[in-house]
Amino acid sequence: MSTVIPSIAPASVDLPVAGGTLTVAQILLPGVPRGAVVLLREEHGTDGRMAVLMNALAEHGYESFAADLATLSSEPLSDEAALAALGDLVAHVGSHGWTREQTGVVGYGFGGRLALLAASRTQLGAAVSVSPEGVGRSTPGRPALVDAVPAVVTPWLGMFGAVDDLAPADDVRTLAKRLVGPSPQYSEVVTYPGVGGLFFHESAEALAHAAMFDSWQRVVEWLNLRVVPRPTPYAEIWSLKQALGE
């Protein structure tokens, strides 16, 4: 008989950030969680989908903090305004005892864009961008990522659909050439053949379903390899004894 693991309902917190008040969904775990993840939704994405992802992260030992930064303004939010609010969100994660190296950021769509921009400016444990917006196209306050991101200082994973009209293959290749290799931190770009930019959504179509499954596995593996785990009490005691020469 299979065991059904009950889902955790995320708690909602109104967090004062640069530009206003941000509603943050969070799942905090008992014991010694492995790490913390900031989840950045696609613009006006669904709360239900984020709750599923947060529970999936909890299964791997991660506390999570999810938000849609675009809700801070009725107008399209500029990169700088969004990054200022993201900095406050990361500080909120830090108030729960997580260091930067113990924190990862995972973003979708506009959130994926912000995850890459954050990775270019801030040292964190890991960053993942799933179908990030604006790879080669500029809009007011949001320059093309190929121009805005010269390198990353946080290990970054980017995932794209090969037939995404908003992320043409040439632009993705240009971004990969700029970031994979020259950056001081390791970067990786994955492109899924035969799927568009929403490959991370549930789909009955075989290629899209495979891309969704594979992309999530890559998210978890990237976090597990690069986010520094929080030490257990026994590990802290051992480290103290080593420092004291015992």
C-alpha atoms as a PDB file:
ATOM      1  CA  MET A   1       0.000   0.000   0.000  1.00  0.00           C
ATOM      2  CA  SER A   2       1.427   3.369  -1.010  1.00  0.00           C
ATOM      3  CA  THR A   3       1.887   6.135   1.531  1.00  0.00           C
ATOM      4  CA  VAL A   4       0.237   9.458   0.737  1.00  0.00           C
ATOM      5  CA  ILE A   5       2.282  12.408   1.966  1.00  0.00           C
ATOM      6  CA  PRO A   6      -0.024  15.288   2.935  1.00  0.00           C
ATOM      7  CA  SER A   7       0.709  18.623   1.310  1.00  0.00           C
ATOM      8  CA  ILE A   8       1.707  21.656   3.357  1.00  0.00           C
ATOM      9  CA  ALA A   9      -0.377  24.793   2.977  1.00  0.00           C
ATOM     10  CA  PRO A  10       2.016  27.745   2.582  1.00  0.00           C
ATOM     11  CA  ALA A  11       1.644  30.541   5.113  1.00  0.00           C
ATOM     12  CA  SER A  12       1.133  34.046   3.742  1.00  0.00           C
ATOM     13  CA  VAL A  13       3.198  37.001   4.976  1.00  0.00           C
ATOM     14  CA  ASP A  14       2.946  40.658   3.953  1.00  0.00           C
ATOM     15  CA  LEU A  15       6.541  41.832   3.667  1.00  0.00           C
ATOM     16  CA  PRO A  16       7.494  45.522   3.414  1.00  0.00           C
ATOM     17  CA  VAL A  17       9.931  45.846   0.499  1.00  0.00           C
ATOM     18  CA  ALA A  18      11.285  48.591  -1.714  1.00  0.00           C
ATOM     19  CA  GLY A  19       8.321  49.823  -3.722  1.00  0.00           C
ATOM     20  CA  GLY A  20       5.509  48.588  -1.492  1.00  0.00           C
ATOM     21  CA  THR A  21       4.260  45.519   0.321  1.00  0.00           C
ATOM     22  CA  LEU A  22       4.918  42.077  -1.135  1.00  0.00           C
ATOM     23  CA  THR A  23       2.784  39.043  -0.332  1.00  0.00           C
ATOM     24  CA  VAL A  24       5.123  36.132   0.298  1.00  0.00           C
ATOM     25  CA  ALA A  25       4.032  32.503   0.542  1.00  0.00           C
ATOM     26  CA  GLN A  26       6.383  30.484   2.699  1.00  0.00           C
ATOM     27  CA  ILE A  27       6.849  26.956   3.933  1.00  0.00           C
ATOM     28  CA  LEU A  28       9.063  26.608   7.005  1.00  0.00           C
ATOM     29  CA  LEU A  29      10.227  23.164   8.073  1.00  0.00           C
ATOM     30  CA  PRO A  30      10.950  21.614  11.481  1.00  0.00           C
ATOM     31  CA  GLY A  31      14.237  20.012  12.396  1.00  0.00           C
ATOM     32  CA  VAL A  32      17.293  20.951  10.341  1.00  0.00           C
ATOM     33  CA  PRO A  33      16.185  21.850   6.799  1.00  0.00           C
ATOM     34  CA  ARG A  34      18.744  21.452   4.038  1.00  0.00           C
ATOM     35  CA  GLY A  35      18.529  24.959   2.584  1.00  0.00           C
ATOM     36  CA  ALA A  36      16.263  27.795   1.503  1.00  0.00           C
ATOM     37  CA  VAL A  37      14.854  28.632  -1.922  1.00  0.00           C
ATOM     38  CA  VAL A  38      13.353  31.878  -3.177  1.00  0.00           C
ATOM     39  CA  LEU A  39      10.719  31.045  -5.814  1.00  0.00           C
ATOM     40  CA  LEU A  40       9.936  33.854  -8.256  1.00  0.00           C
ATOM     41  CA  ARG A  41       6.701  33.337 -10.138  1.00  0.00           C
ATOM     42  CA  GLU A  42       6.048  34.163 -13.749  1.00  0.00           C
ATOM     43  CA  GLU A  43       4.081  37.404 -13.957  1.00  0.00           C
ATOM     44  CA  HIS A  44       0.585  36.827 -12.607  1.00  0.00           C
ATOM     45  CA  GLY A  45       1.138  33.088 -12.291  1.00  0.00           C
ATOM     46  CA  THR A  46      -1.104  30.916 -10.143  1.00  0.00           C
ATOM     47  CA  ASP A  47      -0.704  30.434  -6.404  1.00  0.00           C
ATOM     48  CA  GLY A  48      -1.714  26.797  -6.743  1.00  0.00           C
ATOM     49  CA  ARG A  49       1.221  25.975  -8.981  1.00  0.00           C
ATOM     50  CA  MET A  50       3.660  27.631  -6.607  1.00  0.00           C
ATOM     51  CA  ALA A  51       2.242  25.638  -3.689  1.00  0.00           C
ATOM     52  CA  VAL A  52       2.929  22.423  -5.608  1.00  0.00           C
ATOM     53  CA  LEU A  53       6.526  23.469  -6.279  1.00  0.00           C
ATOM     54  CA  MET A  54       7.024  24.538  -2.671  1.00  0.00           C
ATOM     55  CA  ASN A  55       5.838  21.149  -1.442  1.00  0.00           C
ATOM     56  CA  ALA A  56       8.134  19.447  -3.937  1.00  0.00           C
ATOM     57  CA  LEU A  57      11.050  21.464  -2.560  1.00  0.00           C
ATOM     58  CA  ALA A  58      10.025  20.566   0.993  1.00  0.00           C
ATOM     59  CA  GLU A  59      10.334  16.895   0.059  1.00  0.00           C
ATOM     60  CA  HIS A  60      14.007  17.599  -0.637  1.00  0.00           C
ATOM     61  CA  GLY A  61      14.472  19.482   2.630  1.00  0.00           C
ATOM     62  CA  TYR A  62      14.176  23.064   1.398  1.00  0.00           C
ATOM     63  CA  GLU A  63      12.262  25.844   3.051  1.00  0.00           C
ATOM     64  CA  SER A  64      10.766  28.092   0.389  1.00  0.00           C
ATOM     65  CA  PHE A  65       9.635  31.673  -0.025  1.00  0.00           C
ATOM     66  CA  ALA A  66       7.523  32.420  -3.117  1.00  0.00           C
ATOM     67  CA  ALA A  67       6.407  35.740  -4.552  1.00  0.00           C
ATOM     68  CA  ASP A  68       5.278  37.487  -7.733  1.00  0.00           C
ATOM     69  CA  LEU A  69       7.292  40.709  -7.735  1.00  0.00           C
ATOM     70  CA  ALA A  70       5.233  42.073 -10.632  1.00  0.00           C
ATOM     71  CA  THR A  71       2.320  42.598  -8.229  1.00  0.00           C
ATOM     72  CA  LEU A  72       4.166  45.562  -6.693  1.00  0.00           C
ATOM     73  CA  SER A  73       2.997  47.802  -9.542  1.00  0.00           C
ATOM     74  CA  SER A  74       0.075  48.049 -11.941  1.00  0.00           C
ATOM     75  CA  GLU A  75       2.643  49.031 -14.588  1.00  0.00           C
ATOM     76  CA  PRO A  76       5.427  46.741 -15.835  1.00  0.00           C
ATOM     77  CA  LEU A  77       8.066  46.712 -13.119  1.00  0.00           C
ATOM     78  CA  SER A  78      11.586  47.764 -14.120  1.00  0.00           C
ATOM     79  CA  ASP A  79      14.511  45.464 -13.467  1.00  0.00           C
ATOM     80  CA  GLU A  80      16.001  47.834 -10.911  1.00  0.00           C
ATOM     81  CA  ALA A  81      12.754  48.159  -8.952  1.00  0.00           C
ATOM     82  CA  ALA A  82      12.228  44.400  -8.968  1.00  0.00           C
ATOM     83  CA  LEU A  83      15.809  43.675  -7.894  1.00  0.00           C
ATOM     84  CA  ALA A  84      15.529  46.127  -5.003  1.00  0.00           C
ATOM     85  CA  ALA A  85      12.436  44.267  -3.782  1.00  0.00           C
ATOM     86  CA  LEU A  86      14.177  40.935  -4.342  1.00  0.00           C
ATOM     87  CA  GLY A  87      17.031  42.113  -2.135  1.00  0.00           C
ATOM     88  CA  ASP A  88      14.540  42.729   0.662  1.00  0.00           C
ATOM     89  CA  LEU A  89      13.024  39.284   0.091  1.00  0.00           C
ATOM     90  CA  VAL A  90      16.463  37.650   0.345  1.00  0.00           C
ATOM     91  CA  ALA A  91      17.049  39.617   3.558  1.00  0.00           C
ATOM     92  CA  HIS A  92      13.754  38.197   4.870  1.00  0.00           C
ATOM     93  CA  VAL A  93      15.070  34.707   4.120  1.00  0.00           C
ATOM     94  CA  GLY A  94      18.215  35.650   6.026  1.00  0.00           C
ATOM     95  CA  SER A  95      16.108  36.624   9.037  1.00  0.00           C
ATOM     96  CA  HIS A  96      15.149  32.943   9.254  1.00  0.00           C
ATOM     97  CA  GLY A  97      18.801  32.023   9.765  1.00  0.00           C
ATOM     98  CA  TRP A  98      19.836  31.327   6.173  1.00  0.00           C
ATOM     99  CA  THR A  99      23.117  32.650   4.809  1.00  0.00           C
ATOM    100  CA  ARG A 100      23.492  33.675   1.160  1.00  0.00           C
ATOM    101  CA  GLU A 101      25.416  30.493   0.306  1.00  0.00           C
ATOM    102  CA  GLN A 102      22.601  28.421   1.870  1.00  0.00           C
ATOM    103  CA  THR A 103      20.019  30.162  -0.332  1.00  0.00           C
ATOM    104  CA  GLY A 104      19.026  29.453  -3.923  1.00  0.00           C
ATOM    105  CA  VAL A 105      16.743  31.417  -6.225  1.00  0.00           C
ATOM    106  CA  VAL A 106      14.538  29.782  -8.867  1.00  0.00           C
ATOM    107  CA  GLY A 107      12.481  31.878 -11.262  1.00  0.00           C
ATOM    108  CA  TYR A 108      10.000  31.364 -14.085  1.00  0.00           C
ATOM    109  CA  GLY A 109       9.313  33.809 -16.925  1.00  0.00           C
ATOM    110  CA  PHE A 110       9.835  37.300 -15.494  1.00  0.00           C
ATOM    111  CA  GLY A 111      10.980  35.611 -12.296  1.00  0.00           C
ATOM    112  CA  GLY A 112      13.546  33.685 -14.334  1.00  0.00           C
ATOM    113  CA  ARG A 113      14.811  36.953 -15.730  1.00  0.00           C
ATOM    114  CA  LEU A 114      15.243  38.304 -12.210  1.00  0.00           C
ATOM    115  CA  ALA A 115      16.999  35.114 -11.092  1.00  0.00           C
ATOM    116  CA  LEU A 116      19.625  35.635 -13.809  1.00  0.00           C
ATOM    117  CA  LEU A 117      19.999  39.339 -13.050  1.00  0.00           C
ATOM    118  CA  ALA A 118      20.412  38.512  -9.356  1.00  0.00           C
ATOM    119  CA  ALA A 119      23.022  35.880 -10.244  1.00  0.00           C
ATOM    120  CA  SER A 120      24.978  38.554 -12.112  1.00  0.00           C
ATOM    121  CA  ARG A 121      25.087  40.871  -9.093  1.00  0.00           C
ATOM    122  CA  THR A 122      24.759  38.856  -5.893  1.00  0.00           C
ATOM    123  CA  GLN A 123      26.626  35.840  -4.563  1.00  0.00           C
ATOM    124  CA  LEU A 124      24.102  33.163  -3.613  1.00  0.00           C
ATOM    125  CA  GLY A 125      24.250  29.403  -3.392  1.00  0.00           C
ATOM    126  CA  ALA A 126      22.603  28.805  -6.763  1.00  0.00           C
ATOM    127  CA  ALA A 127      20.285  30.383  -9.322  1.00  0.00           C
ATOM    128  CA  VAL A 128      17.960  28.826 -11.899  1.00  0.00           C
ATOM    129  CA  SER A 129      16.066  30.577 -14.696  1.00  0.00           C
ATOM    130  CA  VAL A 130      13.276  28.641 -16.382  1.00  0.00           C
ATOM    131  CA  SER A 131      12.196  30.241 -19.666  1.00  0.00           C
ATOM    132  CA  PRO A 132      13.398  33.727 -18.644  1.00  0.00           C
ATOM    133  CA  GLU A 133      11.809  36.709 -20.367  1.00  0.00           C
ATOM    134  CA  GLY A 134      13.584  39.203 -22.579  1.00  0.00           C
ATOM    135  CA  VAL A 135      16.634  37.257 -23.722  1.00  0.00           C
ATOM    136  CA  GLY A 136      17.192  39.327 -26.846  1.00  0.00           C
ATOM    137  CA  ARG A 137      14.319  41.802 -26.697  1.00  0.00           C
ATOM    138  CA  SER A 138      14.297  45.059 -24.747  1.00  0.00           C
ATOM    139  CA  THR A 139      11.297  46.807 -23.225  1.00  0.00           C
ATOM    140  CA  PRO A 140      11.249  50.018 -21.144  1.00  0.00           C
ATOM    141  CA  GLY A 141      13.170  49.383 -17.933  1.00  0.00           C
ATOM    142  CA  ARG A 142      14.065  45.861 -19.038  1.00  0.00           C
ATOM    143  CA  PRO A 143      17.055  45.702 -21.397  1.00  0.00           C
ATOM    144  CA  ALA A 144      17.757  42.503 -23.312  1.00  0.00           C
ATOM    145  CA  LEU A 145      19.502  39.935 -21.125  1.00  0.00           C
ATOM    146  CA  VAL A 146      22.222  39.443 -23.751  1.00  0.00           C
ATOM    147  CA  ASP A 147      23.182  43.077 -23.110  1.00  0.00           C
ATOM    148  CA  ALA A 148      22.376  43.356 -19.397  1.00  0.00           C
ATOM    149  CA  VAL A 149      24.287  40.325 -18.090  1.00  0.00           C
ATOM    150  CA  PRO A 150      28.026  40.242 -18.861  1.00  0.00           C
ATOM    151  CA  ALA A 151      28.792  37.456 -16.348  1.00  0.00           C
ATOM    152  CA  VAL A 152      27.428  35.707 -13.260  1.00  0.00           C
ATOM    153  CA  VAL A 153      28.828  35.541  -9.726  1.00  0.00           C
ATOM    154  CA  THR A 154      26.371  32.827  -8.650  1.00  0.00           C
ATOM    155  CA  PRO A 155      26.252  29.391 -10.330  1.00  0.00           C
ATOM    156  CA  TRP A 156      23.424  29.720 -12.875  1.00  0.00           C
ATOM    157  CA  LEU A 157      21.301  27.233 -14.816  1.00  0.00           C
ATOM    158  CA  GLY A 158      19.112  28.468 -17.667  1.00  0.00           C
ATOM    159  CA  MET A 159      16.466  26.350 -19.410  1.00  0.00           C
ATOM    160  CA  PHE A 160      14.674  27.254 -22.634  1.00  0.00           C
ATOM    161  CA  GLY A 161      12.182  25.875 -25.138  1.00  0.00           C
ATOM    162  CA  ALA A 162      13.660  25.555 -28.624  1.00  0.00           C
ATOM    163  CA  VAL A 163      10.530  26.877 -30.356  1.00  0.00           C
ATOM    164  CA  ASP A 164       9.867  29.823 -28.062  1.00  0.00           C
ATOM    165  CA  ASP A 165       9.219  32.888 -30.235  1.00  0.00           C
ATOM    166  CA  LEU A 166      10.101  35.126 -27.274  1.00  0.00           C
ATOM    167  CA  ALA A 167      13.519  33.483 -26.885  1.00  0.00           C
ATOM    168  CA  PRO A 168      14.860  32.838 -30.403  1.00  0.00           C
ATOM    169  CA  ALA A 169      17.574  30.211 -30.680  1.00  0.00           C
ATOM    170  CA  ASP A 170      20.187  32.732 -31.871  1.00  0.00           C
ATOM    171  CA  ASP A 171      19.595  34.908 -28.804  1.00  0.00           C
ATOM    172  CA  VAL A 172      19.840  31.925 -26.461  1.00  0.00           C
ATOM    173  CA  ARG A 173      23.108  30.869 -28.111  1.00  0.00           C
ATOM    174  CA  THR A 174      24.473  34.406 -27.726  1.00  0.00           C
ATOM    175  CA  LEU A 175      23.569  34.415 -24.032  1.00  0.00           C
ATOM    176  CA  ALA A 176      25.119  30.984 -23.520  1.00  0.00           C
ATOM    177  CA  LYS A 177      28.331  32.012 -25.289  1.00  0.00           C
ATOM    178  CA  ARG A 178      28.615  35.038 -23.028  1.00  0.00           C
ATOM    179  CA  LEU A 179      27.949  33.234 -19.746  1.00  0.00           C
ATOM    180  CA  VAL A 180      29.144  29.652 -20.169  1.00  0.00           C
ATOM    181  CA  GLY A 181      32.906  29.740 -19.711  1.00  0.00           C
ATOM    182  CA  PRO A 182      33.848  33.409 -19.263  1.00  0.00           C
ATOM    183  CA  SER A 183      31.882  33.859 -16.009  1.00  0.00           C
ATOM    184  CA  PRO A 184      33.708  33.420 -12.682  1.00  0.00           C
ATOM    185  CA  GLN A 185      30.998  30.937 -11.660  1.00  0.00           C
ATOM    186  CA  TYR A 186      29.821  27.853 -13.511  1.00  0.00           C
ATOM    187  CA  SER A 187      26.862  28.325 -15.865  1.00  0.00           C
ATOM    188  CA  GLU A 188      24.853  25.875 -17.921  1.00  0.00           C
ATOM    189  CA  VAL A 189      22.207  26.370 -20.614  1.00  0.00           C
ATOM    190  CA  VAL A 190      19.725  23.647 -21.570  1.00  0.00           C
ATOM    191  CA  THR A 191      17.405  23.878 -24.579  1.00  0.00           C
ATOM    192  CA  TYR A 192      14.475  21.487 -24.989  1.00  0.00           C
ATOM    193  CA  PRO A 193      13.688  20.558 -28.611  1.00  0.00           C
ATOM    194  CA  GLY A 194      10.154  20.749 -29.945  1.00  0.00           C
ATOM    195  CA  VAL A 195       8.633  22.785 -27.102  1.00  0.00           C
ATOM    196  CA  GLY A 196       7.771  26.427 -26.500  1.00  0.00           C
ATOM    197  CA  GLY A 197       8.382  28.718 -23.568  1.00  0.00           C
ATOM    198  CA  LEU A 198       5.730  27.162 -21.324  1.00  0.00           C
ATOM    199  CA  PHE A 199       7.373  23.740 -21.256  1.00  0.00           C
ATOM    200  CA  PHE A 200       7.451  23.885 -17.444  1.00  0.00           C
ATOM    201  CA  HIS A 201       3.641  23.669 -17.261  1.00  0.00           C
ATOM    202  CA  GLU A 202       1.686  20.423 -17.056  1.00  0.00           C
ATOM    203  CA  SER A 203       0.953  19.036 -20.531  1.00  0.00           C
ATOM    204  CA  ALA A 204      -0.432  15.866 -22.043  1.00  0.00           C
ATOM    205  CA  GLU A 205       1.854  16.299 -25.077  1.00  0.00           C
ATOM    206  CA  ALA A 206       4.781  13.896 -24.831  1.00  0.00           C
ATOM    207  CA  LEU A 207       7.677  16.269 -25.546  1.00  0.00           C
ATOM    208  CA  ALA A 208       6.316  18.993 -23.273  1.00  0.00           C
ATOM    209  CA  HIS A 209       5.657  16.522 -20.463  1.00  0.00           C
ATOM    210  CA  ALA A 210       9.186  15.140 -20.770  1.00  0.00           C
ATOM    211  CA  ALA A 211      10.643  18.666 -20.741  1.00  0.00           C
ATOM    212  CA  MET A 212       8.619  19.587 -17.664  1.00  0.00           C
ATOM    213  CA  PHE A 213       9.785  16.484 -15.803  1.00  0.00           C
ATOM    214  CA  ASP A 214      13.417  16.837 -16.844  1.00  0.00           C
ATOM    215  CA  SER A 215      13.566  20.560 -16.069  1.00  0.00           C
ATOM    216  CA  TRP A 216      12.305  19.994 -12.534  1.00  0.00           C
ATOM    217  CA  GLN A 217      14.853  17.234 -11.964  1.00  0.00           C
ATOM    218  CA  ARG A 218      17.556  19.633 -13.105  1.00  0.00           C
ATOM    219  CA  VAL A 219      16.308  22.334 -10.731  1.00  0.00           C
ATOM    220  CA  VAL A 220      16.587  19.992  -7.750  1.00  0.00           C
ATOM    221  CA  GLU A 221      19.969  18.609  -8.809  1.00  0.00           C
ATOM    222  CA  TRP A 222      21.362  22.114  -9.336  1.00  0.00           C
ATOM    223  CA  LEU A 223      20.246  23.173  -5.865  1.00  0.00           C
ATOM    224  CA  ASN A 224      21.514  20.002  -4.216  1.00  0.00           C
ATOM    225  CA  LEU A 225      24.953  20.361  -5.786  1.00  0.00           C
ATOM    226  CA  ARG A 226      25.463  24.042  -5.039  1.00  0.00           C
ATOM    227  CA  VAL A 227      23.384  25.295  -2.121  1.00  0.00           C
ATOM    228  CA  VAL A 228      25.494  24.813   1.008  1.00  0.00           C
ATOM    229  CA  PRO A 229      23.563  22.644   3.501  1.00  0.00           C
ATOM    230  CA  ARG A 230      22.864  23.934   6.983  1.00  0.00           C
ATOM    231  CA  PRO A 231      25.024  21.930   9.422  1.00  0.00           C
ATOM    232  CA  THR A 232      23.295  19.723  11.961  1.00  0.00           C
ATOM    233  CA  PRO A 233      23.898  20.345  15.695  1.00  0.00           C
ATOM    234  CA  TYR A 234      26.253  17.345  15.761  1.00  0.00           C
ATOM    235  CA  ALA A 235      28.218  18.731  12.815  1.00  0.00           C
ATOM    236  CA  GLU A 236      28.528  22.079  14.584  1.00  0.00           C
ATOM    237  CA  ILE A 237      29.821  20.368  17.742  1.00  0.00           C
ATOM    238  CA  TRP A 238      32.354  18.408  15.668  1.00  0.00           C
ATOM    239  CA  SER A 239      33.522  21.607  13.930  1.00  0.00           C
ATOM    240  CA  LEU A 240      33.919  23.335  17.286  1.00  0.00           C
ATOM    241  CA  LYS A 241      35.986  20.446  18.639  1.00  0.00           C
ATOM    242  CA  GLN A 242      38.163  20.507  15.531  1.00  0.00           C
ATOM    243  CA  ALA A 243      38.721  24.243  15.967  1.00  0.00           C
ATOM    244  CA  LEU A 244      39.693  23.709  19.614  1.00  0.00           C
ATOM    245  CA  GLY A 245      42.037  20.874  18.686  1.00  0.00           C
ATOM    246  CA  GLU A 246      40.150  18.251  20.650  1.00  0.00           C
END
